Amino acid sequence: MNRILAVAFILFCFEIGLFLMFAPWSAFWEHNFLLSFSPGLKAFALNNFVRGAVSGLGLIDCLLGLSELHRFWKSLGFTNRASE
């Protein structure tokens, strides 16, 4: 059961990370229905620095997924045994 949860967490990290990296630069981000109610929030969300920060968070999330994948492979014994 722990292996299933570990794989689910790794996939979740990659999925959320990729979404956060690419969504701020898509039309989905610009034409968001919820942002139409607040012009100040819309101006904040469309700021390139905010978009870059959200994309950076997605990159960090993908790196977390890679780290967890490496740890998962180590626990299964799939690492390079020549270095031992």
Protein backbone atom coordinates (compact mmCIF):
# COMPACT_ATOMS: atom_id res chain seq x y z
CA MET A 1 0.00 0.00 0.00
CA ASN A 2 2.88 2.40 0.74
CA ARG A 3 4.25 1.90 -2.77
CA ILE A 4 0.91 2.83 -4.30
CA LEU A 5 0.75 5.98 -2.20
CA ALA A 6 4.33 6.88 -3.11
CA VAL A 7 3.62 6.48 -6.84
CA ALA A 8 0.40 8.50 -6.47
CA PHE A 9 2.30 11.28 -4.69
CA ILE A 10 5.01 11.33 -7.37
CA LEU A 11 2.43 11.54 -10.15
CA PHE A 12 0.54 14.23 -8.24
CA CYS A 13 3.72 16.32 -7.90
CA PHE A 14 4.46 16.07 -11.61
CA GLU A 15 0.87 16.81 -12.62
CA ILE A 16 0.49 19.87 -10.40
CA GLY A 17 3.99 21.06 -11.27
CA LEU A 18 3.40 20.89 -15.00
CA PHE A 19 0.03 22.60 -14.62
CA LEU A 20 1.54 25.42 -12.58
CA MET A 21 4.40 25.87 -15.04
CA PHE A 22 2.23 26.21 -18.15
CA ALA A 23 -1.19 27.47 -16.99
CA PRO A 24 -0.16 31.08 -16.19
CA TRP A 25 0.94 31.59 -19.79
CA SER A 26 -2.19 30.15 -21.40
CA ALA A 27 -5.46 31.75 -22.46
CA PHE A 28 -7.13 29.87 -19.60
CA TRP A 29 -5.31 32.12 -17.13
CA GLU A 30 -6.21 35.34 -18.96
CA HIS A 31 -9.90 34.57 -19.48
CA ASN A 32 -10.63 33.18 -16.03
CA PHE A 33 -14.27 33.68 -15.05
CA LEU A 34 -13.46 34.36 -11.39
CA LEU A 35 -11.07 37.20 -12.22
CA SER A 36 -13.78 39.13 -14.07
CA PHE A 37 -15.37 40.11 -10.75
CA SER A 38 -12.30 41.90 -9.39
CA PRO A 39 -10.31 44.21 -11.69
CA GLY A 40 -7.56 44.64 -9.08
CA LEU A 41 -7.10 40.89 -8.69
CA LYS A 42 -7.14 40.47 -12.45
CA ALA A 43 -4.38 43.05 -12.88
CA PHE A 44 -2.36 41.28 -10.18
CA ALA A 45 -2.85 37.81 -11.70
CA LEU A 46 -1.92 39.02 -15.19
CA ASN A 47 1.32 40.60 -13.97
CA ASN A 48 4.30 38.82 -15.55
CA PHE A 49 6.13 38.62 -12.23
CA VAL A 50 3.20 36.80 -10.63
CA ARG A 51 2.99 34.44 -13.59
CA GLY A 52 6.71 33.75 -13.29
CA ALA A 53 6.39 33.10 -9.55
CA VAL A 54 3.59 30.59 -10.16
CA SER A 55 5.67 28.92 -12.87
CA GLY A 56 8.63 28.80 -10.49
CA LEU A 57 6.45 27.12 -7.91
CA GLY A 58 5.53 24.55 -10.53
CA LEU A 59 9.21 23.96 -11.28
CA ILE A 60 9.91 23.42 -7.59
CA ASP A 61 7.02 20.97 -7.45
CA CYS A 62 8.44 19.01 -10.41
CA LEU A 63 11.84 18.93 -8.71
CA LEU A 64 10.14 17.58 -5.59
CA GLY A 65 8.58 14.86 -7.73
CA LEU A 66 12.02 13.97 -9.16
CA SER A 67 13.46 13.84 -5.67
CA GLU A 68 10.70 11.54 -4.49
CA LEU A 69 11.11 9.39 -7.60
CA HIS A 70 14.82 9.02 -6.85
CA ARG A 71 14.07 8.06 -3.24
CA PHE A 72 11.42 5.58 -4.42
CA TRP A 73 13.88 3.96 -6.85
CA LYS A 74 16.46 3.75 -4.08
CA SER A 75 13.98 1.98 -1.83
CA LEU A 76 13.27 -0.56 -4.57
CA GLY A 77 16.96 -1.10 -5.31
CA PHE A 78 16.98 0.33 -8.87
CA THR A 79 19.98 2.59 -8.28
CA ASN A 80 23.35 2.10 -9.91
CA ARG A 81 25.08 -0.76 -8.09
CA ALA A 82 28.44 -0.16 -9.83
CA SER A 83 29.15 2.77 -7.53
CA GLU A 84 29.00 0.57 -4.41
